[in-house]
């Protein structure tokens, strides 16, 4: 069973039982923000990966089990950090307001 919320990114073709998925959407004033970047930092704060948000503000990472930090960088906004726990067999769905 997947933990993704309705209206999030489609999981077609992804075997959620074998992946630890961290995904979500970046918003500004409740509207999708397509000009942001989301970084994945490990438990020690080390940079692991970075992705741009889509036109609809969505992003996705495939991570290992454990605690991670999502650092969102957007124009005209301070960086926003959100803690998230990834686990194989589940989808961590995160909404980030900048």
PDB file of N, CA and C in Angstrom:
ATOM      1  N   UNK A   1       0.850  -1.180   0.000  1.00  0.00           N
ATOM      2  CA  UNK A   1       0.000   0.000   0.000  1.00  0.00           C
ATOM      3  C   UNK A   1       0.889   1.234   0.000  1.00  0.00           C
ATOM      4  N   UNK A   2       0.539   2.222  -0.787  1.00  0.00           N
ATOM      5  CA  UNK A   2       1.359   3.413  -0.889  1.00  0.00           C
ATOM      6  C   UNK A   2       0.783   4.518  -0.020  1.00  0.00           C
ATOM      7  N   UNK A   3       1.668   5.395   0.481  1.00  0.00           N
ATOM      8  CA  UNK A   3       1.227   6.484   1.337  1.00  0.00           C
ATOM      9  C   UNK A   3       1.098   7.796   0.613  1.00  0.00           C
ATOM     10  N   UNK A   4       1.131   7.799  -0.712  1.00  0.00           N
ATOM     11  CA  UNK A   4       1.042   9.047  -1.466  1.00  0.00           C
ATOM     12  C   UNK A   4      -0.360   9.624  -1.357  1.00  0.00           C
ATOM     13  N   UNK A   5      -0.427  10.932  -1.301  1.00  0.00           N
ATOM     14  CA  UNK A   5      -1.724  11.575  -1.222  1.00  0.00           C
ATOM     15  C   UNK A   5      -2.327  11.725  -2.600  1.00  0.00           C
ATOM     16  N   UNK A   6      -3.638  11.754  -2.658  1.00  0.00           N
ATOM     17  CA  UNK A   6      -4.338  11.927  -3.924  1.00  0.00           C
ATOM     18  C   UNK A   6      -3.959  13.271  -4.525  1.00  0.00           C
ATOM     19  N   UNK A   7      -3.676  13.292  -5.816  1.00  0.00           N
ATOM     20  CA  UNK A   7      -3.309  14.536  -6.480  1.00  0.00           C
ATOM     21  C   UNK A   7      -1.814  14.766  -6.530  1.00  0.00           C
ATOM     22  N   UNK A   8      -1.025  13.897  -5.894  1.00  0.00           N
ATOM     23  CA  UNK A   8       0.430  14.018  -5.933  1.00  0.00           C
ATOM     24  C   UNK A   8       0.973  13.436  -7.226  1.00  0.00           C
ATOM     25  N   UNK A   9       2.278  13.230  -7.266  1.00  0.00           N
ATOM     26  CA  UNK A   9       2.902  12.649  -8.456  1.00  0.00           C
ATOM     27  C   UNK A   9       2.439  11.210  -8.663  1.00  0.00           C
ATOM     28  N   UNK A  10       2.250  10.847  -9.927  1.00  0.00           N
ATOM     29  CA  UNK A  10       1.855   9.483 -10.254  1.00  0.00           C
ATOM     30  C   UNK A  10       2.996   8.519  -9.924  1.00  0.00           C
ATOM     31  N   UNK A  11       2.639   7.335  -9.483  1.00  0.00           N
ATOM     32  CA  UNK A  11       3.621   6.311  -9.144  1.00  0.00           C
ATOM     33  C   UNK A  11       3.631   5.182 -10.167  1.00  0.00           C
ATOM     34  N   UNK A  12       3.073   5.428 -11.336  1.00  0.00           N
ATOM     35  CA  UNK A  12       3.055   4.428 -12.399  1.00  0.00           C
ATOM     36  C   UNK A  12       4.478   3.982 -12.715  1.00  0.00           C
ATOM     37  N   UNK A  13       4.691   2.680 -12.759  1.00  0.00           N
ATOM     38  CA  UNK A  13       5.990   2.136 -13.117  1.00  0.00           C
ATOM     39  C   UNK A  13       6.990   2.089 -11.978  1.00  0.00           C
ATOM     40  N   UNK A  14       6.599   2.539 -10.789  1.00  0.00           N
ATOM     41  CA  UNK A  14       7.500   2.509  -9.637  1.00  0.00           C
ATOM     42  C   UNK A  14       7.023   1.411  -8.694  1.00  0.00           C
ATOM     43  N   UNK A  15       7.924   0.487  -8.385  1.00  0.00           N
ATOM     44  CA  UNK A  15       7.602  -0.587  -7.446  1.00  0.00           C
ATOM     45  C   UNK A  15       7.845  -0.047  -6.039  1.00  0.00           C
ATOM     46  N   UNK A  16       6.805   0.518  -5.466  1.00  0.00           N
ATOM     47  CA  UNK A  16       6.916   1.170  -4.157  1.00  0.00           C
ATOM     48  C   UNK A  16       7.358   0.182  -3.080  1.00  0.00           C
ATOM     49  N   UNK A  17       7.075  -1.098  -3.256  1.00  0.00           N
ATOM     50  CA  UNK A  17       7.481  -2.106  -2.268  1.00  0.00           C
ATOM     51  C   UNK A  17       8.995  -2.245  -2.188  1.00  0.00           C
ATOM     52  N   UNK A  18       9.722  -1.782  -3.229  1.00  0.00           N
ATOM     53  CA  UNK A  18      11.174  -1.929  -3.275  1.00  0.00           C
ATOM     54  C   UNK A  18      11.905  -0.589  -3.213  1.00  0.00           C
ATOM     55  N   UNK A  19      11.174   0.494  -3.053  1.00  0.00           N
ATOM     56  CA  UNK A  19      11.766   1.830  -3.059  1.00  0.00           C
ATOM     57  C   UNK A  19      11.373   2.607  -1.806  1.00  0.00           C
ATOM     58  N   UNK A  20      12.231   3.550  -1.419  1.00  0.00           N
ATOM     59  CA  UNK A  20      11.899   4.538  -0.389  1.00  0.00           C
ATOM     60  C   UNK A  20      11.750   5.858  -1.136  1.00  0.00           C
ATOM     61  N   UNK A  21      10.524   6.283  -1.320  1.00  0.00           N
ATOM     62  CA  UNK A  21      10.228   7.451  -2.144  1.00  0.00           C
ATOM     63  C   UNK A  21       9.944   8.652  -1.245  1.00  0.00           C
ATOM     64  N   UNK A  22      10.595   9.770  -1.569  1.00  0.00           N
ATOM     65  CA  UNK A  22      10.324  11.051  -0.919  1.00  0.00           C
ATOM     66  C   UNK A  22       9.906  11.993  -2.038  1.00  0.00           C
ATOM     67  N   UNK A  23       8.702  12.496  -1.958  1.00  0.00           N
ATOM     68  CA  UNK A  23       8.211  13.368  -3.017  1.00  0.00           C
ATOM     69  C   UNK A  23       7.281  14.409  -2.433  1.00  0.00           C
ATOM     70  N   UNK A  24       7.010  15.422  -3.227  1.00  0.00           N
ATOM     71  CA  UNK A  24       6.090  16.434  -2.739  1.00  0.00           C
ATOM     72  C   UNK A  24       5.961  17.599  -3.686  1.00  0.00           C
ATOM     73  N   UNK A  25       5.532  18.716  -3.113  1.00  0.00           N
ATOM     74  CA  UNK A  25       5.254  19.897  -3.905  1.00  0.00           C
ATOM     75  C   UNK A  25       5.702  21.131  -3.125  1.00  0.00           C
ATOM     76  N   UNK A  26       6.286  22.078  -3.853  1.00  0.00           N
ATOM     77  CA  UNK A  26       6.691  23.357  -3.279  1.00  0.00           C
ATOM     78  C   UNK A  26       5.654  24.397  -3.684  1.00  0.00           C
ATOM     79  N   UNK A  27       5.219  25.165  -2.688  1.00  0.00           N
ATOM     80  CA  UNK A  27       4.170  26.166  -2.904  1.00  0.00           C
ATOM     81  C   UNK A  27       4.620  27.529  -2.387  1.00  0.00           C
ATOM     82  N   UNK A  28       4.101  28.572  -3.017  1.00  0.00           N
ATOM     83  CA  UNK A  28       4.256  29.932  -2.509  1.00  0.00           C
ATOM     84  C   UNK A  28       2.863  30.538  -2.491  1.00  0.00           C
ATOM     85  N   UNK A  29       2.437  30.987  -1.327  1.00  0.00           N
ATOM     86  CA  UNK A  29       1.085  31.538  -1.166  1.00  0.00           C
ATOM     87  C   UNK A  29       0.028  30.551  -1.667  1.00  0.00           C
ATOM     88  N   UNK A  30       0.274  29.257  -1.433  1.00  0.00           N
ATOM     89  CA  UNK A  30      -0.675  28.225  -1.815  1.00  0.00           C
ATOM     90  C   UNK A  30      -0.664  27.825  -3.275  1.00  0.00           C
ATOM     91  N   UNK A  31       0.203  28.456  -4.072  1.00  0.00           N
ATOM     92  CA  UNK A  31       0.288  28.159  -5.510  1.00  0.00           C
ATOM     93  C   UNK A  31       1.567  27.387  -5.819  1.00  0.00           C
ATOM     94  N   UNK A  32       1.530  26.446  -6.773  1.00  0.00           N
ATOM     95  CA  UNK A  32       2.721  25.681  -7.136  1.00  0.00           C
ATOM     96  C   UNK A  32       3.866  26.593  -7.584  1.00  0.00           C
ATOM     97  N   UNK A  33       5.087  26.247  -7.147  1.00  0.00           N
ATOM     98  CA  UNK A  33       6.268  27.032  -7.483  1.00  0.00           C
ATOM     99  C   UNK A  33       7.198  26.193  -8.345  1.00  0.00           C
ATOM    100  N   UNK A  34       7.273  26.527  -9.620  1.00  0.00           N
ATOM    101  CA  UNK A  34       8.092  25.771 -10.560  1.00  0.00           C
ATOM    102  C   UNK A  34       9.504  26.268 -10.705  1.00  0.00           C
ATOM    103  N   UNK A  35       9.900  27.263  -9.942  1.00  0.00           N
ATOM    104  CA  UNK A  35      11.248  27.825 -10.095  1.00  0.00           C
ATOM    105  C   UNK A  35      12.102  27.590  -8.857  1.00  0.00           C
ATOM    106  N   UNK A  36      11.855  26.496  -8.144  1.00  0.00           N
ATOM    107  CA  UNK A  36      12.601  26.189  -6.924  1.00  0.00           C
ATOM    108  C   UNK A  36      13.498  24.973  -7.144  1.00  0.00           C
ATOM    109  N   UNK A  37      14.393  24.771  -6.199  1.00  0.00           N
ATOM    110  CA  UNK A  37      15.241  23.580  -6.161  1.00  0.00           C
ATOM    111  C   UNK A  37      15.077  22.946  -4.789  1.00  0.00           C
ATOM    112  N   UNK A  38      15.080  21.618  -4.764  1.00  0.00           N
ATOM    113  CA  UNK A  38      14.983  20.896  -3.499  1.00  0.00           C
ATOM    114  C   UNK A  38      16.231  20.027  -3.379  1.00  0.00           C
ATOM    115  N   UNK A  39      16.918  20.182  -2.252  1.00  0.00           N
ATOM    116  CA  UNK A  39      18.112  19.385  -1.978  1.00  0.00           C
ATOM    117  C   UNK A  39      17.773  18.312  -0.957  1.00  0.00           C
ATOM    118  N   UNK A  40      18.429  17.166  -1.110  1.00  0.00           N
ATOM    119  CA  UNK A  40      18.296  16.062  -0.168  1.00  0.00           C
ATOM    120  C   UNK A  40      19.595  15.987   0.626  1.00  0.00           C
ATOM    121  N   UNK A  41      19.497  16.193   1.943  1.00  0.00           N
ATOM    122  CA  UNK A  41      20.660  16.150   2.828  1.00  0.00           C
ATOM    123  C   UNK A  41      20.525  14.940   3.745  1.00  0.00           C
ATOM    124  N   UNK A  42      21.646  14.245   3.978  1.00  0.00           N
ATOM    125  CA  UNK A  42      21.578  13.064   4.842  1.00  0.00           C
ATOM    126  C   UNK A  42      21.480  13.467   6.310  1.00  0.00           C
ATOM    127  N   UNK A  43      21.494  12.495   7.203  1.00  0.00           N
ATOM    128  CA  UNK A  43      21.299  12.746   8.631  1.00  0.00           C
ATOM    129  C   UNK A  43      22.388  13.626   9.230  1.00  0.00           C
ATOM    130  N   UNK A  44      23.555  13.697   8.580  1.00  0.00           N
ATOM    131  CA  UNK A  44      24.637  14.552   9.079  1.00  0.00           C
ATOM    132  C   UNK A  44      24.628  15.928   8.423  1.00  0.00           C
ATOM    133  N   UNK A  45      23.677  16.156   7.508  1.00  0.00           N
ATOM    134  CA  UNK A  45      23.604  17.443   6.818  1.00  0.00           C
ATOM    135  C   UNK A  45      24.397  17.500   5.530  1.00  0.00           C
ATOM    136  N   UNK A  46      24.981  16.367   5.128  1.00  0.00           N
ATOM    137  CA  UNK A  46      25.752  16.321   3.887  1.00  0.00           C
ATOM    138  C   UNK A  46      24.838  16.290   2.669  1.00  0.00           C
ATOM    139  N   UNK A  47      25.220  17.045   1.655  1.00  0.00           N
ATOM    140  CA  UNK A  47      24.488  17.092   0.384  1.00  0.00           C
ATOM    141  C   UNK A  47      24.508  15.718  -0.264  1.00  0.00           C
ATOM    142  N   UNK A  48      23.338  15.267  -0.726  1.00  0.00           N
ATOM    143  CA  UNK A  48      23.222  13.980  -1.409  1.00  0.00           C
ATOM    144  C   UNK A  48      22.728  14.157  -2.837  1.00  0.00           C
ATOM    145  N   UNK A  49      21.722  15.005  -3.024  1.00  0.00           N
ATOM    146  CA  UNK A  49      21.150  15.193  -4.361  1.00  0.00           C
ATOM    147  C   UNK A  49      20.368  16.502  -4.398  1.00  0.00           C
ATOM    148  N   UNK A  50      20.073  16.943  -5.624  1.00  0.00           N
ATOM    149  CA  UNK A  50      19.265  18.141  -5.825  1.00  0.00           C
ATOM    150  C   UNK A  50      18.451  17.976  -7.098  1.00  0.00           C
ATOM    151  N   UNK A  51      17.193  18.431  -7.048  1.00  0.00           N
ATOM    152  CA  UNK A  51      16.340  18.408  -8.236  1.00  0.00           C
ATOM    153  C   UNK A  51      15.598  19.736  -8.342  1.00  0.00           C
ATOM    154  N   UNK A  52      15.325  20.177  -9.577  1.00  0.00           N
ATOM    155  CA  UNK A  52      14.451  21.343  -9.746  1.00  0.00           C
ATOM    156  C   UNK A  52      13.004  20.895  -9.619  1.00  0.00           C
ATOM    157  N   UNK A  53      12.146  21.806  -9.204  1.00  0.00           N
ATOM    158  CA  UNK A  53      10.728  21.479  -9.181  1.00  0.00           C
ATOM    159  C   UNK A  53      10.180  21.543 -10.606  1.00  0.00           C
ATOM    160  N   UNK A  54       9.133  20.774 -10.846  1.00  0.00           N
ATOM    161  CA  UNK A  54       8.473  20.805 -12.154  1.00  0.00           C
ATOM    162  C   UNK A  54       7.644  22.079 -12.262  1.00  0.00           C
ATOM    163  N   UNK A  55       7.004  22.278 -13.379  1.00  0.00           N
ATOM    164  CA  UNK A  55       6.143  23.448 -13.570  1.00  0.00           C
ATOM    165  C   UNK A  55       5.005  23.471 -12.547  1.00  0.00           C
ATOM    166  N   UNK A  56       4.653  22.296 -12.022  1.00  0.00           N
ATOM    167  CA  UNK A  56       3.590  22.215 -11.016  1.00  0.00           C
ATOM    168  C   UNK A  56       4.149  22.191  -9.593  1.00  0.00           C
ATOM    169  N   UNK A  57       5.449  22.470  -9.447  1.00  0.00           N
ATOM    170  CA  UNK A  57       6.074  22.528  -8.133  1.00  0.00           C
ATOM    171  C   UNK A  57       6.453  21.188  -7.531  1.00  0.00           C
ATOM    172  N   UNK A  58       6.318  20.103  -8.291  1.00  0.00           N
ATOM    173  CA  UNK A  58       6.582  18.766  -7.758  1.00  0.00           C
ATOM    174  C   UNK A  58       8.059  18.379  -7.842  1.00  0.00           C
ATOM    175  N   UNK A  59       8.451  17.475  -6.943  1.00  0.00           N
ATOM    176  CA  UNK A  59       9.801  16.906  -6.926  1.00  0.00           C
ATOM    177  C   UNK A  59       9.704  15.475  -6.410  1.00  0.00           C
ATOM    178  N   UNK A  60      10.760  14.677  -6.678  1.00  0.00           N
ATOM    179  CA  UNK A  60      10.807  13.294  -6.186  1.00  0.00           C
ATOM    180  C   UNK A  60      12.262  12.875  -6.003  1.00  0.00           C
ATOM    181  N   UNK A  61      12.496  12.150  -4.912  1.00  0.00           N
ATOM    182  CA  UNK A  61      13.791  11.509  -4.655  1.00  0.00           C
ATOM    183  C   UNK A  61      13.543  10.039  -4.334  1.00  0.00           C
ATOM    184  N   UNK A  62      14.527   9.211  -4.659  1.00  0.00           N
ATOM    185  CA  UNK A  62      14.570   7.828  -4.203  1.00  0.00           C
ATOM    186  C   UNK A  62      15.705   7.802  -3.188  1.00  0.00           C
ATOM    187  N   UNK A  63      15.367   7.540  -1.937  1.00  0.00           N
ATOM    188  CA  UNK A  63      16.338   7.636  -0.853  1.00  0.00           C
ATOM    189  C   UNK A  63      16.478   6.298  -0.147  1.00  0.00           C
ATOM    190  N   UNK A  64      17.485   6.202   0.689  1.00  0.00           N
ATOM    191  CA  UNK A  64      17.629   5.037   1.545  1.00  0.00           C
ATOM    192  C   UNK A  64      16.788   5.212   2.795  1.00  0.00           C
ATOM    193  N   UNK A  65      16.606   4.131   3.525  1.00  0.00           N
ATOM    194  CA  UNK A  65      15.887   4.204   4.793  1.00  0.00           C
ATOM    195  C   UNK A  65      16.567   5.190   5.725  1.00  0.00           C
ATOM    196  N   UNK A  66      15.771   5.945   6.460  1.00  0.00           N
ATOM    197  CA  UNK A  66      16.340   6.821   7.475  1.00  0.00           C
ATOM    198  C   UNK A  66      15.790   8.225   7.434  1.00  0.00           C
ATOM    199  N   UNK A  67      16.406   9.074   8.279  1.00  0.00           N
ATOM    200  CA  UNK A  67      15.988  10.469   8.368  1.00  0.00           C
ATOM    201  C   UNK A  67      16.786  11.317   7.391  1.00  0.00           C
ATOM    202  N   UNK A  68      16.086  12.199   6.710  1.00  0.00           N
ATOM    203  CA  UNK A  68      16.662  13.090   5.708  1.00  0.00           C
ATOM    204  C   UNK A  68      16.156  14.508   5.957  1.00  0.00           C
ATOM    205  N   UNK A  69      16.860  15.471   5.367  1.00  0.00           N
ATOM    206  CA  UNK A  69      16.396  16.849   5.381  1.00  0.00           C
ATOM    207  C   UNK A  69      16.189  17.294   3.951  1.00  0.00           C
ATOM    208  N   UNK A  70      15.046  17.895   3.680  1.00  0.00           N
ATOM    209  CA  UNK A  70      14.784  18.528   2.395  1.00  0.00           C
ATOM    210  C   UNK A  70      15.045  20.014   2.570  1.00  0.00           C
ATOM    211  N   UNK A  71      15.962  20.559   1.795  1.00  0.00           N
ATOM    212  CA  UNK A  71      16.246  21.992   1.829  1.00  0.00           C
ATOM    213  C   UNK A  71      15.736  22.593   0.525  1.00  0.00           C
ATOM    214  N   UNK A  72      14.772  23.486   0.648  1.00  0.00           N
ATOM    215  CA  UNK A  72      14.164  24.110  -0.521  1.00  0.00           C
ATOM    216  C   UNK A  72      14.735  25.500  -0.715  1.00  0.00           C
ATOM    217  N   UNK A  73      15.195  25.747  -1.943  1.00  0.00           N
ATOM    218  CA  UNK A  73      15.765  27.036  -2.330  1.00  0.00           C
ATOM    219  C   UNK A  73      14.881  27.619  -3.424  1.00  0.00           C
ATOM    220  N   UNK A  74      14.404  28.836  -3.204  1.00  0.00           N
ATOM    221  CA  UNK A  74      13.507  29.476  -4.166  1.00  0.00           C
ATOM    222  C   UNK A  74      13.853  30.959  -4.267  1.00  0.00           C
ATOM    223  N   UNK A  75      13.612  31.544  -5.446  1.00  0.00           N
ATOM    224  CA  UNK A  75      13.861  32.978  -5.601  1.00  0.00           C
ATOM    225  C   UNK A  75      13.036  33.784  -4.588  1.00  0.00           C
ATOM    226  N   UNK A  76      13.649  34.813  -4.053  1.00  0.00           N
ATOM    227  CA  UNK A  76      12.978  35.746  -3.132  1.00  0.00           C
ATOM    228  C   UNK A  76      12.402  35.054  -1.904  1.00  0.00           C
ATOM    229  N   UNK A  77      13.095  34.022  -1.426  1.00  0.00           N
ATOM    230  CA  UNK A  77      12.660  33.316  -0.219  1.00  0.00           C
ATOM    231  C   UNK A  77      13.879  32.798   0.530  1.00  0.00           C
ATOM    232  N   UNK A  78      13.758  32.740   1.831  1.00  0.00           N
ATOM    233  CA  UNK A  78      14.796  32.121   2.655  1.00  0.00           C
ATOM    234  C   UNK A  78      14.735  30.610   2.440  1.00  0.00           C
ATOM    235  N   UNK A  79      15.875  29.905   2.560  1.00  0.00           N
ATOM    236  CA  UNK A  79      15.825  28.437   2.469  1.00  0.00           C
ATOM    237  C   UNK A  79      14.900  27.856   3.534  1.00  0.00           C
ATOM    238  N   UNK A  80      14.195  26.800   3.169  1.00  0.00           N
ATOM    239  CA  UNK A  80      13.274  26.123   4.086  1.00  0.00           C
ATOM    240  C   UNK A  80      13.743  24.684   4.241  1.00  0.00           C
ATOM    241  N   UNK A  81      13.982  24.259   5.485  1.00  0.00           N
ATOM    242  CA  UNK A  81      14.380  22.885   5.782  1.00  0.00           C
ATOM    243  C   UNK A  81      13.204  22.130   6.375  1.00  0.00           C
ATOM    244  N   UNK A  82      13.002  20.897   5.893  1.00  0.00           N
ATOM    245  CA  UNK A  82      11.955  20.007   6.422  1.00  0.00           C
ATOM    246  C   UNK A  82      12.572  18.636   6.646  1.00  0.00           C
ATOM    247  N   UNK A  83      12.373  18.090   7.822  1.00  0.00           N
ATOM    248  CA  UNK A  83      12.812  16.727   8.131  1.00  0.00           C
ATOM    249  C   UNK A  83      11.800  15.748   7.559  1.00  0.00           C
ATOM    250  N   UNK A  84      12.301  14.623   7.074  1.00  0.00           N
ATOM    251  CA  UNK A  84      11.434  13.591   6.530  1.00  0.00           C
ATOM    252  C   UNK A  84      12.087  12.235   6.799  1.00  0.00           C
ATOM    253  N   UNK A  85      11.258  11.228   7.010  1.00  0.00           N
ATOM    254  CA  UNK A  85      11.751   9.869   7.214  1.00  0.00           C
ATOM    255  C   UNK A  85      11.367   9.051   5.990  1.00  0.00           C
ATOM    256  N   UNK A  86      12.374   8.409   5.399  1.00  0.00           N
ATOM    257  CA  UNK A  86      12.153   7.548   4.238  1.00  0.00           C
ATOM    258  C   UNK A  86      12.223   6.089   4.689  1.00  0.00           C
ATOM    259  N   UNK A  87      11.380   5.277   4.085  1.00  0.00           N
ATOM    260  CA  UNK A  87      11.383   3.844   4.395  1.00  0.00           C
ATOM    261  C   UNK A  87      10.993   3.064   3.148  1.00  0.00           C
ATOM    262  N   UNK A  88      11.747   2.018   2.879  1.00  0.00           N
ATOM    263  CA  UNK A  88      11.417   1.158   1.750  1.00  0.00           C
ATOM    264  C   UNK A  88      10.003   0.645   1.947  1.00  0.00           C
ATOM    265  N   UNK A  89       9.210   0.725   0.880  1.00  0.00           N
ATOM    266  CA  UNK A  89       7.831   0.263   0.937  1.00  0.00           C
ATOM    267  C   UNK A  89       6.830   1.359   1.223  1.00  0.00           C
ATOM    268  N   UNK A  90       7.319   2.608   1.325  1.00  0.00           N
ATOM    269  CA  UNK A  90       6.387   3.695   1.586  1.00  0.00           C
ATOM    270  C   UNK A  90       6.770   4.941   0.795  1.00  0.00           C
ATOM    271  N   UNK A  91       5.823   5.859   0.736  1.00  0.00           N
ATOM    272  CA  UNK A  91       6.029   7.133   0.064  1.00  0.00           C
ATOM    273  C   UNK A  91       5.865   8.233   1.105  1.00  0.00           C
ATOM    274  N   UNK A  92       6.919   9.019   1.303  1.00  0.00           N
ATOM    275  CA  UNK A  92       6.834  10.177   2.190  1.00  0.00           C
ATOM    276  C   UNK A  92       6.420  11.361   1.327  1.00  0.00           C
ATOM    277  N   UNK A  93       5.223  11.851   1.536  1.00  0.00           N
ATOM    278  CA  UNK A  93       4.651  12.950   0.748  1.00  0.00           C
ATOM    279  C   UNK A  93       4.778  14.231   1.565  1.00  0.00           C
ATOM    280  N   UNK A  94       5.424  15.257   0.979  1.00  0.00           N
ATOM    281  CA  UNK A  94       5.724  16.488   1.711  1.00  0.00           C
ATOM    282  C   UNK A  94       5.251  17.694   0.912  1.00  0.00           C
ATOM    283  N   UNK A  95       4.587  18.615   1.596  1.00  0.00           N
ATOM    284  CA  UNK A  95       4.222  19.912   0.994  1.00  0.00           C
ATOM    285  C   UNK A  95       5.073  20.957   1.682  1.00  0.00           C
ATOM    286  N   UNK A  96       5.736  21.790   0.898  1.00  0.00           N
ATOM    287  CA  UNK A  96       6.634  22.791   1.452  1.00  0.00           C
ATOM    288  C   UNK A  96       6.181  24.166   0.994  1.00  0.00           C
ATOM    289  N   UNK A  97       5.895  25.023   1.952  1.00  0.00           N
ATOM    290  CA  UNK A  97       5.509  26.403   1.657  1.00  0.00           C
ATOM    291  C   UNK A  97       6.724  27.292   1.876  1.00  0.00           C
ATOM    292  N   UNK A  98       7.041  28.105   0.849  1.00  0.00           N
ATOM    293  CA  UNK A  98       8.171  29.050   0.973  1.00  0.00           C
ATOM    294  C   UNK A  98       7.653  30.466   1.076  1.00  0.00           C
TER     295      UNK A  98
END
